[in-house]
Amino acid sequence: MTTKGDVKTQLLTAKNWRVSSDVIETTRNGVADAPYDKYANLAPCGKDDFIRFRDDMSMLVDEGPTKCAPNDPQTQGGKWSWNSGQTEITMTDPTFAGRDKYSGPVDLTTDTITIVLTDTKGTTVTKETIVYKGF
């Protein structure tokens, strides 16, 4: 749910967003693994990718200045939406490795978007915290 005039949508659509941090924390049977810094292990060609959110609830994922695979498209489209209280965002995009959508609580400021994704499978809980910086 969104309206073009609401403050959160205006913040989200005002600029491009690039991942600046991506940390995964896994707990198995109540025991926490060491955090995994997914961003630190990302190839440089993946660190320059960015997302542009549009107020029509579409989004554009751009490979940035460098592509990891020359034949990959420069841009791909996706969709995004808020929950009714605009406390959670859902993004559907074909470029997200291993899942077709991200959905989780969001903290949005003029400069950052922080999304927390939580997956529970039996006694294993995986929490991924992704921070995007605006530019």
C-alpha atoms as a PDB file:
ATOM      1  CA  MET A   1       0.000   0.000   0.000  1.00  0.00           C
ATOM      2  CA  THR A   2       1.412   3.371  -0.929  1.00  0.00           C
ATOM      3  CA  THR A   3       0.484   6.838  -1.975  1.00  0.00           C
ATOM      4  CA  LYS A   4       2.773   9.122  -3.914  1.00  0.00           C
ATOM      5  CA  GLY A   5       2.520  11.884  -1.315  1.00  0.00           C
ATOM      6  CA  ASP A   6       3.417   9.959   1.841  1.00  0.00           C
ATOM      7  CA  VAL A   7       6.737  10.732   3.529  1.00  0.00           C
ATOM      8  CA  LYS A   8       8.194   7.204   3.536  1.00  0.00           C
ATOM      9  CA  THR A   9       7.503   6.699  -0.163  1.00  0.00           C
ATOM     10  CA  GLN A  10       9.047  10.092  -0.904  1.00  0.00           C
ATOM     11  CA  LEU A  11      12.197   9.100   1.032  1.00  0.00           C
ATOM     12  CA  LEU A  12      12.382   5.729  -0.688  1.00  0.00           C
ATOM     13  CA  THR A  13      11.919   7.079  -4.221  1.00  0.00           C
ATOM     14  CA  ALA A  14      14.114  10.188  -3.842  1.00  0.00           C
ATOM     15  CA  LYS A  15      17.414   8.481  -4.667  1.00  0.00           C
ATOM     16  CA  ASN A  16      19.220   5.342  -5.735  1.00  0.00           C
ATOM     17  CA  TRP A  17      20.151   2.775  -3.059  1.00  0.00           C
ATOM     18  CA  ARG A  18      23.271   0.611  -2.912  1.00  0.00           C
ATOM     19  CA  VAL A  19      24.027  -2.150  -0.393  1.00  0.00           C
ATOM     20  CA  SER A  20      26.679  -1.054   2.119  1.00  0.00           C
ATOM     21  CA  SER A  21      26.381  -3.904   4.629  1.00  0.00           C
ATOM     22  CA  ASP A  22      24.913  -7.417   4.608  1.00  0.00           C
ATOM     23  CA  VAL A  23      25.415  -9.594   7.683  1.00  0.00           C
ATOM     24  CA  ILE A  24      23.890 -13.015   8.329  1.00  0.00           C
ATOM     25  CA  GLU A  25      23.436 -14.388  11.846  1.00  0.00           C
ATOM     26  CA  THR A  26      22.328 -18.004  12.269  1.00  0.00           C
ATOM     27  CA  THR A  27      21.187 -19.717  15.458  1.00  0.00           C
ATOM     28  CA  ARG A  28      20.877 -23.510  15.494  1.00  0.00           C
ATOM     29  CA  ASN A  29      19.148 -25.154  18.454  1.00  0.00           C
ATOM     30  CA  GLY A  30      19.673 -21.962  20.466  1.00  0.00           C
ATOM     31  CA  VAL A  31      23.412 -21.736  19.711  1.00  0.00           C
ATOM     32  CA  ALA A  32      24.564 -18.757  17.638  1.00  0.00           C
ATOM     33  CA  ASP A  33      27.071 -19.239  14.812  1.00  0.00           C
ATOM     34  CA  ALA A  34      29.645 -16.534  14.167  1.00  0.00           C
ATOM     35  CA  PRO A  35      28.114 -13.758  12.023  1.00  0.00           C
ATOM     36  CA  TYR A  36      28.838 -14.058   8.295  1.00  0.00           C
ATOM     37  CA  ASP A  37      29.697 -10.821   6.492  1.00  0.00           C
ATOM     38  CA  LYS A  38      28.111 -11.462   3.117  1.00  0.00           C
ATOM     39  CA  TYR A  39      28.983  -7.971   1.840  1.00  0.00           C
ATOM     40  CA  ALA A  40      32.714  -8.372   2.581  1.00  0.00           C
ATOM     41  CA  ASN A  41      32.725 -11.508   0.436  1.00  0.00           C
ATOM     42  CA  LEU A  42      30.848  -9.908  -2.464  1.00  0.00           C
ATOM     43  CA  ALA A  43      32.824  -9.376  -5.690  1.00  0.00           C
ATOM     44  CA  PRO A  44      33.517  -5.703  -6.530  1.00  0.00           C
ATOM     45  CA  CYS A  45      31.235  -5.999  -9.580  1.00  0.00           C
ATOM     46  CA  GLY A  46      28.358  -6.797  -7.187  1.00  0.00           C
ATOM     47  CA  LYS A  47      29.114  -3.949  -4.786  1.00  0.00           C
ATOM     48  CA  ASP A  48      28.292  -1.280  -7.374  1.00  0.00           C
ATOM     49  CA  ASP A  49      24.774  -2.584  -8.134  1.00  0.00           C
ATOM     50  CA  PHE A  50      21.899  -0.382  -7.033  1.00  0.00           C
ATOM     51  CA  ILE A  51      18.112  -0.199  -6.763  1.00  0.00           C
ATOM     52  CA  ARG A  52      15.860   2.647  -7.856  1.00  0.00           C
ATOM     53  CA  PHE A  53      12.389   2.559  -6.279  1.00  0.00           C
ATOM     54  CA  ARG A  54       9.568   4.276  -8.156  1.00  0.00           C
ATOM     55  CA  ASP A  55       6.364   5.679  -6.718  1.00  0.00           C
ATOM     56  CA  ASP A  56       4.276   3.385  -8.959  1.00  0.00           C
ATOM     57  CA  MET A  57       5.586   0.467  -6.805  1.00  0.00           C
ATOM     58  CA  SER A  58       8.006  -0.720  -9.469  1.00  0.00           C
ATOM     59  CA  MET A  59      11.742  -0.869  -8.960  1.00  0.00           C
ATOM     60  CA  LEU A  60      14.746  -1.032 -11.211  1.00  0.00           C
ATOM     61  CA  VAL A  61      17.818  -3.073 -10.290  1.00  0.00           C
ATOM     62  CA  ASP A  62      20.908  -1.821 -12.110  1.00  0.00           C
ATOM     63  CA  GLU A  63      24.227  -3.676 -12.485  1.00  0.00           C
ATOM     64  CA  GLY A  64      26.075  -0.403 -11.943  1.00  0.00           C
ATOM     65  CA  PRO A  65      29.263   0.552 -13.784  1.00  0.00           C
ATOM     66  CA  THR A  66      30.713  -2.981 -13.739  1.00  0.00           C
ATOM     67  CA  LYS A  67      28.911  -6.215 -14.557  1.00  0.00           C
ATOM     68  CA  CYS A  68      29.898  -9.575 -13.097  1.00  0.00           C
ATOM     69  CA  ALA A  69      28.823 -11.354 -16.288  1.00  0.00           C
ATOM     70  CA  PRO A  70      29.014  -9.460 -19.601  1.00  0.00           C
ATOM     71  CA  ASN A  71      25.815 -11.035 -20.940  1.00  0.00           C
ATOM     72  CA  ASP A  72      23.688 -10.088 -17.913  1.00  0.00           C
ATOM     73  CA  PRO A  73      21.162  -7.333 -18.603  1.00  0.00           C
ATOM     74  CA  GLN A  74      22.170  -3.887 -17.331  1.00  0.00           C
ATOM     75  CA  THR A  75      18.795  -3.441 -15.644  1.00  0.00           C
ATOM     76  CA  GLN A  76      15.958  -5.651 -14.478  1.00  0.00           C
ATOM     77  CA  GLY A  77      12.572  -4.697 -13.150  1.00  0.00           C
ATOM     78  CA  GLY A  78      10.865  -5.694  -9.956  1.00  0.00           C
ATOM     79  CA  LYS A  79       8.062  -4.645  -7.629  1.00  0.00           C
ATOM     80  CA  TRP A  80       7.953  -3.336  -4.092  1.00  0.00           C
ATOM     81  CA  SER A  81       5.208  -2.653  -1.545  1.00  0.00           C
ATOM     82  CA  TRP A  82       4.641  -1.518   2.025  1.00  0.00           C
ATOM     83  CA  ASN A  83       2.551  -3.299   4.601  1.00  0.00           C
ATOM     84  CA  SER A  84      -0.408  -1.266   5.890  1.00  0.00           C
ATOM     85  CA  GLY A  85       1.644   0.493   8.601  1.00  0.00           C
ATOM     86  CA  GLN A  86       4.671   1.060   6.341  1.00  0.00           C
ATOM     87  CA  THR A  87       6.872  -0.789   8.852  1.00  0.00           C
ATOM     88  CA  GLU A  88       7.676  -3.669   6.499  1.00  0.00           C
ATOM     89  CA  ILE A  89       8.728  -3.657   2.862  1.00  0.00           C
ATOM     90  CA  THR A  90       8.478  -6.456   0.324  1.00  0.00           C
ATOM     91  CA  MET A  91      10.678  -6.446  -2.779  1.00  0.00           C
ATOM     92  CA  THR A  92      10.250  -8.935  -5.610  1.00  0.00           C
ATOM     93  CA  ASP A  93      13.161  -9.113  -8.011  1.00  0.00           C
ATOM     94  CA  PRO A  94      14.647 -11.838 -10.229  1.00  0.00           C
ATOM     95  CA  THR A  95      18.232 -10.883  -9.328  1.00  0.00           C
ATOM     96  CA  PHE A  96      17.940 -11.796  -5.623  1.00  0.00           C
ATOM     97  CA  ALA A  97      20.054 -14.923  -5.260  1.00  0.00           C
ATOM     98  CA  GLY A  98      18.268 -17.822  -3.621  1.00  0.00           C
ATOM     99  CA  ARG A  99      14.889 -16.171  -3.161  1.00  0.00           C
ATOM    100  CA  ASP A 100      12.335 -14.424  -5.319  1.00  0.00           C
ATOM    101  CA  LYS A 101      11.463 -11.773  -2.737  1.00  0.00           C
ATOM    102  CA  TYR A 102      12.698 -10.013   0.363  1.00  0.00           C
ATOM    103  CA  SER A 103      10.194  -9.088   3.011  1.00  0.00           C
ATOM    104  CA  GLY A 104      10.946  -7.743   6.428  1.00  0.00           C
ATOM    105  CA  PRO A 105      10.867  -4.904   8.903  1.00  0.00           C
ATOM    106  CA  VAL A 106      12.398  -1.738   7.511  1.00  0.00           C
ATOM    107  CA  ASP A 107      14.041   1.286   9.075  1.00  0.00           C
ATOM    108  CA  LEU A 108      14.170   4.165   6.601  1.00  0.00           C
ATOM    109  CA  THR A 109      15.957   7.499   6.965  1.00  0.00           C
ATOM    110  CA  THR A 110      17.003  10.092   4.405  1.00  0.00           C
ATOM    111  CA  ASP A 111      20.337   8.286   3.982  1.00  0.00           C
ATOM    112  CA  THR A 112      19.809   4.596   4.820  1.00  0.00           C
ATOM    113  CA  ILE A 113      17.409   1.707   4.479  1.00  0.00           C
ATOM    114  CA  THR A 114      17.868  -1.180   6.910  1.00  0.00           C
ATOM    115  CA  ILE A 115      15.919  -4.374   6.223  1.00  0.00           C
ATOM    116  CA  VAL A 116      15.924  -7.391   8.529  1.00  0.00           C
ATOM    117  CA  LEU A 117      15.029 -10.710   6.907  1.00  0.00           C
ATOM    118  CA  THR A 118      14.283 -13.651   9.190  1.00  0.00           C
ATOM    119  CA  ASP A 119      13.918 -17.268   8.064  1.00  0.00           C
ATOM    120  CA  THR A 120      12.991 -20.062  10.471  1.00  0.00           C
ATOM    121  CA  LYS A 121      13.384 -23.716   9.531  1.00  0.00           C
ATOM    122  CA  GLY A 122      12.763 -26.023  12.469  1.00  0.00           C
ATOM    123  CA  THR A 123      15.179 -24.984  15.217  1.00  0.00           C
ATOM    124  CA  THR A 124      17.370 -22.930  12.869  1.00  0.00           C
ATOM    125  CA  VAL A 125      16.777 -19.177  12.706  1.00  0.00           C
ATOM    126  CA  THR A 126      18.650 -17.095  10.154  1.00  0.00           C
ATOM    127  CA  LYS A 127      18.578 -13.306  10.414  1.00  0.00           C
ATOM    128  CA  GLU A 128      20.018 -11.222   7.586  1.00  0.00           C
ATOM    129  CA  THR A 129      20.444  -7.489   8.095  1.00  0.00           C
ATOM    130  CA  ILE A 130      20.937  -5.522   4.879  1.00  0.00           C
ATOM    131  CA  VAL A 131      21.807  -1.829   4.921  1.00  0.00           C
ATOM    132  CA  TYR A 132      21.436   0.311   1.793  1.00  0.00           C
ATOM    133  CA  LYS A 133      22.973   3.768   1.466  1.00  0.00           C
ATOM    134  CA  GLY A 134      21.326   6.398  -0.694  1.00  0.00           C
ATOM    135  CA  PHE A 135      23.163   8.325  -3.385  1.00  0.00           C
END
